[in-house]
Protein backbone atom coordinates (compact mmCIF):
# COMPACT_ATOMS: atom_id res chain seq x y z
CA MET A 1 0.00 0.00 0.00
CA ASN A 2 2.81 2.44 0.91
CA PHE A 3 4.53 1.60 -2.39
CA LYS A 4 1.34 2.40 -4.32
CA LYS A 5 0.94 5.75 -2.53
CA ILE A 6 4.43 6.72 -3.53
CA GLN A 7 3.70 5.76 -7.12
CA ASN A 8 0.50 7.84 -7.15
CA ALA A 9 2.07 10.97 -5.51
CA LYS A 10 2.18 14.03 -7.79
CA GLY A 11 5.52 15.86 -8.53
CA PHE A 12 7.04 18.35 -10.97
CA THR A 13 7.30 17.33 -14.57
CA LEU A 14 10.31 18.43 -16.66
CA ILE A 15 8.21 21.04 -18.45
CA GLU A 16 6.95 22.49 -15.14
CA ALA A 17 10.49 22.66 -13.83
CA LEU A 18 11.69 24.50 -16.95
CA VAL A 19 8.81 26.98 -16.69
CA MET A 20 9.62 27.67 -13.04
CA LEU A 21 13.31 28.11 -13.93
CA PHE A 22 12.40 30.55 -16.70
CA ILE A 23 10.16 32.62 -14.38
CA PHE A 24 12.87 32.68 -11.74
CA SER A 25 15.45 33.77 -14.32
CA VAL A 26 13.25 36.64 -15.55
CA ILE A 27 12.67 37.85 -11.98
CA ALA A 28 16.35 37.57 -11.11
CA LEU A 29 17.47 39.32 -14.32
CA THR A 30 14.97 42.15 -13.80
CA PHE A 31 16.12 42.63 -10.24
CA TYR A 32 19.77 42.60 -11.33
CA ARG A 33 19.18 45.19 -14.05
CA THR A 34 17.25 47.43 -11.68
CA TYR A 35 19.98 47.08 -9.11
CA SER A 36 22.72 47.82 -11.69
CA VAL A 37 20.95 50.93 -13.00
CA GLY A 38 20.31 52.16 -9.48
CA LEU A 39 23.92 51.55 -8.50
CA LYS A 40 25.13 53.43 -11.60
CA TYR A 41 22.98 56.44 -10.71
CA VAL A 42 24.31 56.36 -7.16
CA ILE A 43 27.94 56.28 -8.38
CA ASP A 44 27.28 59.06 -10.92
CA ALA A 45 25.66 61.21 -8.26
CA LYS A 46 28.58 60.58 -5.90
CA ASN A 47 31.11 61.48 -8.61
CA ARG A 48 29.19 64.61 -9.57
CA LEU A 49 28.95 65.76 -5.95
CA GLY A 50 32.67 65.19 -5.56
CA ALA A 51 33.38 67.18 -8.74
CA VAL A 52 31.17 70.07 -7.59
CA ALA A 53 32.96 70.07 -4.24
CA ALA A 54 36.36 70.11 -5.98
CA ALA A 55 35.28 72.99 -8.25
CA ASN A 56 33.94 75.04 -5.33
CA GLU A 57 37.08 74.37 -3.32
CA LYS A 58 39.29 75.50 -6.20
CA MET A 59 37.22 78.62 -6.79
CA GLU A 60 37.31 79.49 -3.07
CA ILE A 61 41.11 79.32 -3.11
CA ILE A 62 41.19 81.70 -6.08
CA ARG A 63 38.80 84.12 -4.36
CA ASN A 64 41.33 84.53 -1.55
CA LEU A 65 44.11 85.63 -3.92
CA ASN A 66 45.04 89.21 -4.70
CA TYR A 67 43.69 90.38 -8.07
CA ASN A 68 47.19 90.67 -9.56
CA ASP A 69 48.01 87.09 -8.49
CA ILE A 70 45.07 85.52 -10.33
CA GLY A 71 46.68 83.75 -13.28
CA THR A 72 47.72 80.28 -14.40
CA THR A 73 51.00 78.56 -15.16
CA THR A 74 50.42 78.26 -18.92
CA GLY A 75 47.62 80.76 -19.53
CA GLU A 76 47.60 84.20 -21.14
CA ILE A 77 47.62 85.75 -17.64
CA SER A 78 50.67 84.33 -15.88
CA GLY A 79 50.31 83.17 -12.27
CA ASN A 80 50.88 80.31 -9.87
CA ILE A 81 47.52 78.57 -10.28
CA PRO A 82 48.10 75.20 -12.01
CA SER A 83 46.46 75.11 -15.42
CA GLU A 84 45.85 71.38 -14.94
CA GLU A 85 46.07 69.18 -11.85
CA ASP A 86 44.85 65.84 -10.51
CA VAL A 87 42.99 65.72 -7.18
CA ALA A 88 41.16 63.14 -5.09
CA GLU A 89 37.68 63.83 -3.72
CA ASN A 90 35.24 61.32 -2.16
CA ALA A 91 37.75 58.53 -2.96
CA SER A 92 37.52 59.43 -6.67
CA GLN A 93 40.15 60.89 -8.99
CA TYR A 94 39.46 64.14 -10.86
CA GLN A 95 41.33 66.34 -13.32
CA ILE A 96 40.94 70.08 -12.78
CA ALA A 97 41.55 72.58 -15.60
CA THR A 98 41.67 76.27 -14.70
CA ASN A 99 41.55 79.08 -17.24
CA VAL A 100 41.95 82.79 -16.47
CA GLU A 101 41.27 85.41 -19.12
CA TYR A 102 40.61 89.11 -19.35
CA VAL A 103 37.16 90.23 -20.46
CA ASP A 104 36.63 93.22 -22.74
CA ASP A 105 33.18 94.24 -21.52
CA PRO A 106 31.05 96.08 -24.13
CA PHE A 107 29.76 98.41 -21.39
CA ASP A 108 32.68 100.81 -21.95
CA GLY A 109 33.29 99.99 -25.62
CA LEU A 110 35.18 97.23 -27.37
CA TYR A 111 38.83 97.01 -28.34
CA SER A 112 37.90 95.16 -31.55
CA ALA A 113 35.67 98.09 -32.53
CA GLY A 114 38.30 100.68 -31.63
CA THR A 115 36.16 102.17 -28.83
CA ASP A 116 38.02 100.86 -25.77
CA PRO A 117 41.75 101.61 -25.47
CA ILE A 118 41.94 99.66 -22.18
CA PRO A 119 40.33 96.29 -22.92
CA GLU A 120 41.45 94.43 -19.77
CA ASP A 121 38.24 95.29 -17.89
CA TYR A 122 38.18 92.34 -15.46
CA LYS A 123 39.18 88.69 -15.17
CA LYS A 124 37.00 85.67 -15.77
CA VAL A 125 38.01 82.38 -14.13
CA THR A 126 36.67 79.07 -15.43
CA VAL A 127 37.26 75.91 -13.39
CA THR A 128 36.40 72.64 -15.16
CA VAL A 129 36.49 69.35 -13.23
CA TYR A 130 36.66 66.15 -15.32
CA TRP A 131 36.18 62.51 -14.42
CA ASN A 132 35.52 59.19 -16.16
CA ASN A 133 38.41 59.73 -18.61
CA LYS A 134 37.19 63.30 -19.27
CA GLN A 135 33.86 62.04 -20.62
CA GLU A 136 31.98 63.92 -17.91
CA ASN A 137 32.60 67.28 -16.29
CA VAL A 138 31.19 70.12 -14.24
CA GLN A 139 32.16 73.76 -14.62
CA ALA A 140 32.25 76.79 -12.36
CA GLN A 141 32.81 80.39 -13.46
CA SER A 142 33.39 83.61 -11.60
CA ILE A 143 34.50 87.13 -12.49
CA PHE A 144 37.02 89.20 -10.54
CA ALA A 145 37.07 92.99 -10.79
CA PRO A 146 40.23 95.03 -10.19
CA PRO A 147 40.43 96.78 -6.81
CA GLY A 148 40.36 100.27 -8.37
CA LEU A 149 39.91 101.94 -11.74
CA GLU A 150 41.01 100.29 -14.95
CA VAL A 151 44.72 100.69 -15.52
CA ALA A 152 46.48 100.16 -18.82
CA ASN A 153 49.22 97.52 -18.72
CA PRO A 154 51.62 98.54 -21.49
CA SER A 155 53.73 95.40 -20.99
CA ASP A 156 50.76 93.11 -21.72
CA GLY A 157 50.36 91.77 -25.23
CA ILE A 158 47.10 91.53 -27.15
CA LEU A 159 46.31 88.94 -29.83
CA MET A 160 42.95 89.33 -31.56
CA ILE A 161 41.68 86.31 -33.53
CA ASN A 162 38.85 86.75 -36.02
CA VAL A 163 37.10 83.57 -37.16
CA PHE A 164 34.71 83.84 -40.10
CA SER A 165 33.23 81.96 -43.05
CA ASP A 166 34.15 82.78 -46.65
CA GLN A 167 31.04 81.04 -48.04
CA PRO A 168 28.27 83.09 -49.70
CA GLY A 169 26.57 85.10 -46.96
CA GLY A 170 29.23 84.02 -44.47
CA THR A 171 29.77 85.93 -41.23
CA GLY A 172 31.76 85.55 -38.03
CA ILE A 173 31.68 82.09 -36.44
CA PRO A 174 30.46 82.17 -32.81
CA ASP A 175 31.30 79.60 -30.11
CA SER A 176 34.33 78.21 -31.91
CA THR A 177 36.89 76.72 -29.53
CA VAL A 178 40.23 78.47 -30.04
CA ARG A 179 43.35 76.90 -28.55
CA VAL A 180 46.54 78.97 -28.62
CA THR A 181 49.95 77.54 -27.76
CA ASN A 182 53.45 78.96 -27.84
CA SER A 183 56.16 76.61 -26.62
CA ASP A 184 58.75 79.43 -26.48
CA ILE A 185 56.89 81.24 -23.69
CA GLY A 186 55.01 78.30 -22.15
CA LEU A 187 51.56 79.44 -23.29
CA ASP A 188 48.71 76.95 -23.66
CA THR A 189 45.23 78.42 -23.31
CA THR A 190 41.75 77.91 -24.74
CA VAL A 191 39.07 80.55 -25.38
CA GLN A 192 35.74 80.76 -27.22
CA THR A 193 34.80 83.17 -29.99
CA ASP A 194 32.01 85.60 -29.15
CA ASN A 195 28.78 86.16 -31.09
CA THR A 196 30.66 88.00 -33.82
CA GLY A 197 33.48 85.46 -34.18
CA HIS A 198 36.10 87.40 -32.20
CA ALA A 199 38.43 86.01 -29.54
CA ILE A 200 41.04 88.12 -27.74
CA LEU A 201 44.05 86.98 -25.74
CA MET A 202 45.35 89.58 -23.31
CA GLY A 203 47.82 89.35 -20.47
CA ASN A 204 51.38 89.43 -19.23
CA ASN A 205 52.07 86.01 -20.76
CA VAL A 206 51.13 87.22 -24.26
CA LYS A 207 54.67 88.29 -25.09
CA ASN A 208 56.73 89.38 -28.07
CA SER A 209 56.98 86.38 -30.39
CA ILE A 210 57.11 86.26 -34.18
CA GLN A 211 55.11 83.52 -35.93
CA LYS A 212 55.15 81.21 -32.91
CA TYR A 213 51.53 81.45 -31.72
CA HIS A 214 50.00 78.18 -32.93
CA ILE A 215 46.21 78.42 -33.24
CA THR A 216 43.72 75.57 -33.65
CA LEU A 217 39.97 75.92 -34.17
CA ALA A 218 37.30 73.33 -33.43
CA LYS A 219 33.52 73.42 -33.61
CA SER A 220 31.01 70.63 -34.17
CA GLY A 221 29.96 70.49 -37.82
CA TYR A 222 32.78 72.81 -38.92
CA GLU A 223 36.31 72.40 -40.21
CA ASN A 224 39.13 71.73 -37.78
CA VAL A 225 41.68 74.42 -38.65
CA SER A 226 45.29 74.83 -37.57
CA THR A 227 47.83 77.51 -38.32
CA MET A 228 51.26 76.34 -39.48
CA PRO A 229 54.81 77.62 -39.07
CA PRO A 230 56.19 79.42 -42.14
CA TYR A 231 58.31 77.79 -44.85
CA PRO A 232 60.71 75.96 -44.55
CA ALA A 233 59.41 74.60 -41.21
CA THR A 234 56.34 73.72 -43.29
CA SER A 235 57.10 72.13 -46.66
CA TYR A 236 54.89 74.68 -48.44
CA ASN A 237 53.84 78.30 -47.97
CA PRO A 238 50.83 77.99 -45.64
CA VAL A 239 47.78 80.24 -45.95
CA ASP A 240 47.25 80.30 -42.18
CA VAL A 241 50.63 81.09 -40.63
CA ASP A 242 51.25 80.93 -36.87
CA GLY A 243 50.43 84.27 -35.28
CA SER A 244 52.78 86.97 -34.03
CA VAL A 245 52.63 89.42 -31.13
CA ILE A 246 54.44 92.71 -30.73
CA VAL A 247 53.62 94.25 -27.37
CA GLY A 248 52.13 97.70 -27.76
CA SER A 249 50.70 96.93 -31.20
CA THR A 250 47.39 95.58 -32.45
CA ASN A 251 48.05 91.98 -33.46
CA VAL A 252 45.31 90.41 -35.58
CA VAL A 253 44.96 86.92 -37.03
CA ASN A 254 42.11 86.24 -39.48
CA ILE A 255 41.13 82.59 -40.02
CA VAL A 256 38.44 81.08 -42.22
CA GLN A 257 36.39 78.28 -40.67
CA ASP A 258 33.56 76.90 -42.80
CA GLN A 259 30.71 74.55 -42.11
CA LEU A 260 31.35 71.08 -43.55
CA ALA A 261 29.65 69.50 -46.57
CA ASN A 262 29.01 65.89 -47.63
CA LEU A 263 30.61 64.39 -50.72
CA ALA A 264 30.25 61.05 -52.50
CA VAL A 265 31.64 59.76 -55.82
CA ASP A 266 29.79 57.23 -58.01
CA THR A 267 31.47 55.50 -60.95
CA THR A 268 29.00 54.73 -63.77
CA ASP A 269 28.83 53.85 -67.46
CA TYR A 270 28.83 56.55 -70.14
CA LEU A 271 25.07 57.01 -69.82
CA GLY A 272 25.30 57.50 -66.06
CA THR A 273 22.74 54.76 -65.43
CA ALA A 274 24.69 51.58 -64.57
CA SER A 275 27.20 51.45 -61.72
CA ILE A 276 30.76 50.24 -62.33
CA PRO A 277 32.27 48.81 -59.13
CA ASN A 278 35.77 48.82 -57.66
CA ILE A 279 37.23 51.73 -59.64
CA SER A 280 40.35 53.43 -58.26
CA PHE A 281 40.57 57.20 -58.57
CA HIS A 282 42.33 60.22 -57.14
CA ILE A 283 40.50 63.16 -55.61
CA THR A 284 41.96 66.56 -54.78
CA GLY A 285 40.26 69.60 -53.31
CA GLY A 286 38.63 71.24 -50.34
CA ARG A 287 40.37 73.77 -48.15
CA ILE A 288 43.54 75.31 -49.62
CA LEU A 289 46.24 74.88 -46.98
CA GLY A 290 48.87 76.76 -48.95
CA ASN A 291 50.95 76.69 -52.11
CA THR A 292 54.01 74.73 -53.17
CA ILE A 293 57.23 76.67 -53.49
CA GLY A 294 57.78 76.33 -57.25
CA ASP A 295 60.94 77.18 -59.13
CA PRO A 296 60.83 80.26 -61.41
CA SER A 297 64.18 79.34 -62.95
CA THR A 298 62.69 76.17 -64.41
CA GLY A 299 59.21 77.51 -65.02
CA ILE A 300 57.63 75.40 -62.25
CA LEU A 301 54.78 77.48 -60.85
CA PRO A 302 53.42 77.22 -57.29
CA GLN A 303 50.46 74.84 -57.00
CA PRO A 304 47.71 74.77 -54.37
CA VAL A 305 48.02 72.31 -51.48
CA TYR A 306 44.60 70.94 -50.48
CA ASN A 307 43.48 69.29 -47.27
CA LEU A 308 42.01 66.38 -49.27
CA ASP A 309 44.49 64.85 -51.68
CA THR A 310 44.15 61.08 -51.68
CA ASP A 311 43.66 57.87 -53.63
CA ALA A 312 40.32 56.11 -53.18
CA GLN A 313 38.23 53.30 -54.65
CA THR A 314 34.51 52.83 -55.14
CA ASP A 315 32.89 49.80 -53.49
CA SER A 316 30.96 46.90 -55.01
CA ASN A 317 28.06 49.30 -55.68
CA GLY A 318 30.30 51.78 -57.48
CA GLU A 319 30.14 54.24 -54.57
CA LYS A 320 32.65 56.00 -52.34
CA ASN A 321 31.29 58.22 -49.58
CA PHE A 322 33.76 60.70 -48.14
CA GLY A 323 31.33 61.93 -45.49
CA SER A 324 31.99 65.39 -44.06
CA VAL A 325 34.60 67.37 -46.01
CA SER A 326 35.65 70.98 -46.35
CA PRO A 327 33.88 73.08 -48.96
CA GLY A 328 35.94 74.17 -51.94
CA GLN A 329 36.89 73.13 -55.45
CA TYR A 330 37.42 69.43 -56.21
CA THR A 331 38.95 67.45 -59.07
CA VAL A 332 38.43 63.73 -59.74
CA ALA A 333 40.73 61.68 -62.01
CA LEU A 334 41.11 57.95 -62.64
CA SER A 335 44.15 56.24 -61.13
CA PRO A 336 46.86 55.07 -63.57
CA SER A 337 46.20 51.50 -62.41
CA VAL A 338 42.78 51.56 -64.14
CA THR A 339 43.36 50.16 -67.64
CA GLY A 340 39.93 48.92 -68.68
CA TYR A 341 38.18 52.30 -68.57
CA VAL A 342 38.75 55.93 -69.52
CA LEU A 343 37.15 58.85 -67.72
CA ILE A 344 34.78 60.66 -70.09
CA ASP A 345 33.68 63.35 -67.66
CA THR A 346 32.18 63.99 -64.27
CA ASP A 347 28.75 65.34 -63.43
CA PRO A 348 29.09 68.08 -62.30
CA VAL A 349 32.07 68.81 -64.51
CA SER A 350 35.42 68.58 -62.75
CA PRO A 351 36.74 70.77 -61.22
CA PHE A 352 33.48 71.40 -59.39
CA SER A 353 32.61 73.57 -56.41
CA LEU A 354 31.20 72.20 -53.15
CA PHE A 355 29.60 74.63 -50.71
CA SER A 356 29.03 74.47 -46.96
CA ASN A 357 26.18 72.25 -45.78
CA GLN A 358 25.73 70.84 -49.31
CA ASN A 359 25.15 67.16 -50.09
CA MET A 360 26.69 66.22 -53.42
CA ALA A 361 26.99 62.89 -55.26
CA VAL A 362 29.40 63.21 -58.19
CA LYS A 363 29.03 60.85 -61.14
CA ALA A 364 32.27 59.82 -62.80
CA LYS A 365 31.21 58.56 -66.25
CA LEU A 366 33.53 55.93 -67.71
CA ALA A 367 34.11 54.60 -71.22
CA ASP A 368 34.91 50.91 -71.68
CA VAL A 369 38.08 50.62 -73.78
CA ASN A 370 36.71 47.39 -75.31
CA GLN A 371 33.52 48.99 -76.61
CA THR A 372 33.21 50.33 -80.15
CA SER A 373 33.24 54.05 -79.36
CA LEU A 374 34.82 57.45 -79.92
CA LEU A 375 36.06 59.99 -77.37
CA VAL A 376 36.88 63.45 -78.74
CA LYS A 377 38.74 66.14 -76.80
CA VAL A 378 38.19 69.64 -78.25
CA THR A 379 40.76 72.32 -77.37
CA LYS A 380 41.70 75.83 -78.37
CA ASN A 381 44.78 76.27 -80.53
CA ASP A 382 46.36 78.48 -77.89
CA THR A 383 48.98 78.38 -75.16
CA GLY A 384 48.45 75.26 -73.09
CA ASN A 385 45.61 74.09 -75.38
CA PRO A 386 42.77 74.83 -72.96
CA PRO A 387 39.51 72.90 -73.46
CA LEU A 388 36.84 74.44 -75.67
CA ALA A 389 33.48 73.95 -74.00
CA GLY A 390 30.27 74.20 -76.00
CA ALA A 391 31.74 73.18 -79.35
CA GLY A 392 29.45 71.19 -81.66
CA VAL A 393 30.87 67.74 -82.47
CA GLU A 394 29.05 65.94 -85.33
CA LEU A 395 29.79 62.32 -86.24
CA SER A 396 28.24 60.90 -89.43
CA ASN A 397 28.67 58.25 -92.10
CA GLY A 398 26.99 57.34 -95.38
CA SER A 399 24.83 54.67 -93.76
CA GLY A 400 22.41 56.95 -91.91
CA TYR A 401 24.34 57.52 -88.70
CA ASP A 402 24.41 61.25 -87.85
CA GLN A 403 24.71 62.42 -84.24
CA THR A 404 25.83 65.74 -82.75
CA VAL A 405 27.17 66.19 -79.22
CA THR A 406 27.92 69.47 -77.45
CA ALA A 407 31.37 69.38 -75.88
CA SER A 408 31.22 69.50 -72.09
CA GLY A 409 32.97 71.95 -69.82
CA THR A 410 36.15 69.94 -70.25
CA GLY A 411 35.78 69.91 -74.04
CA THR A 412 34.85 66.23 -74.30
CA ALA A 413 32.32 64.51 -76.58
CA TYR A 414 31.56 60.79 -76.55
CA PHE A 415 29.88 58.47 -79.05
CA PRO A 416 27.59 56.49 -78.95
CA THR A 417 25.06 58.86 -77.43
CA ASP A 418 22.55 56.18 -76.38
CA ALA A 419 22.38 52.49 -75.50
CA ASN A 420 22.62 51.47 -79.18
CA ALA A 421 26.04 50.19 -80.25
CA LEU A 422 28.18 52.38 -82.51
CA PRO A 423 28.84 50.55 -85.81
CA ALA A 424 32.50 50.14 -86.73
CA GLY A 425 33.64 51.92 -89.87
CA THR A 426 34.81 55.22 -91.30
CA TYR A 427 33.09 58.43 -90.25
CA THR A 428 33.20 62.14 -90.97
CA LEU A 429 33.90 64.23 -87.88
CA LYS A 430 32.93 67.91 -88.01
CA VAL A 431 33.77 70.23 -85.07
CA THR A 432 32.39 73.78 -85.00
CA ALA A 433 32.33 76.65 -82.51
CA GLY A 434 31.45 80.33 -82.75
CA GLY A 435 34.51 82.44 -83.48
CA TYR A 436 36.60 79.43 -84.54
CA THR A 437 37.46 77.83 -87.88
CA GLU A 438 35.55 74.63 -88.58
CA ASN A 439 37.52 71.39 -88.47
CA ASP A 440 36.55 68.44 -90.70
CA SER A 441 38.31 65.09 -90.67
CA GLN A 442 37.88 61.40 -91.39
CA VAL A 443 38.09 58.93 -88.52
CA THR A 444 38.13 55.13 -88.55
CA ILE A 445 36.51 53.40 -85.58
CA ASN A 446 37.42 49.75 -85.13
CA SER A 447 35.17 47.12 -83.63
CA ASN A 448 35.47 46.54 -79.86
CA GLN A 449 37.90 49.44 -79.43
CA LEU A 450 37.72 52.91 -77.96
CA LYS A 451 39.07 55.50 -80.38
CA GLN A 452 40.50 58.63 -78.68
CA MET A 453 41.45 61.78 -80.54
CA SER A 454 42.02 65.49 -80.00
CA VAL A 455 40.80 68.32 -82.22
CA SER A 456 42.25 71.80 -81.86
CA LEU A 457 40.27 74.78 -83.25
CA THR A 458 41.90 78.03 -84.32
CA ALA A 459 40.23 81.36 -83.67
CA SER A 460 38.86 82.83 -86.90
């Protein structure tokens, strides 16, 4: 009887056990996630409170200094306050950055407008406390007025930096981060441009120094810009040369900083409809950094140096996306390693202009060298043989083929003009343009070959 009772007793089946285990796992995982999130918020709050305490402590120390002693070790106003230091607070490690700068208050006029001869109105102190590998921070600011009337400091240097856009309708760039360093005098300070794109460095650590003030600009969505030392320290003549200061003079540096644009290159067939993948090309353009030196004795002229000058390749879809790039003029050319295709032209025609905040997809139209076709390059019979855009290029034969193409901005014309194959044979090629003598010639186009030729027109 006891054996039968044991046999008839109910227990957990395997499925019931698995269900119970699943429910327990969900409850445990939910609790763990809630606990982890709560613990993270507690740690963040603790770190933030410690950072606030460190910032307040640092600011209180500065408040107890004499006005003339408020300055940093590497800032524009020299002093004994460390520009950067590591501290411990609430058992956590923090990095403290202190910046001291003079403020030219518009209340009594502005130095940049020529209405305030004494621009060092008062000092602004910014204390920034970082933690978590500088991914998080708190900031405290305070202003300190001089004990008496404003007094001119003739030994203090002034460096005025104007940041602006050269795009159509461009104005001064506000809130751009400007870092200025000068290793000769131990200067390393960071300021922000005002609403009109001006930033001014003033102080006893802004000293006489010729072309040694290195300036970098940074702003989200805009170009990162750096000045460069003059040639030969830089291998070319830079447009933006490191700044100079002569105490007692107005020292001004003007720098262009433009909003970025987006650029992509697509390689296609001659009709611009079918993608051609894995094509290598070279692209040059964007911001002009400077000019090469050149050699007048040999006739080598200076050439622009661009911030984008690189080899690239389209992907399996015939696309190459460069993402955010500087506005400016760009040129696309096929790489010498490409042997199966010839570049007919680009759309828009290269060199093309890219403007700030513009999205552009450039089509590079290619001609297959194994297709029965003709590529004509029309030039002017002049020095350097520049391309002749807009010329009429007519190709005809005695079998009913008669097509006319207008030469592009680079003076190119390509046949066939549609998806129909170009018959092999002998054709008459007539090239005309207003103000130029007509050119007529015979051309033989072989099967499965690209015929390339140049036609030079003489002014009539």
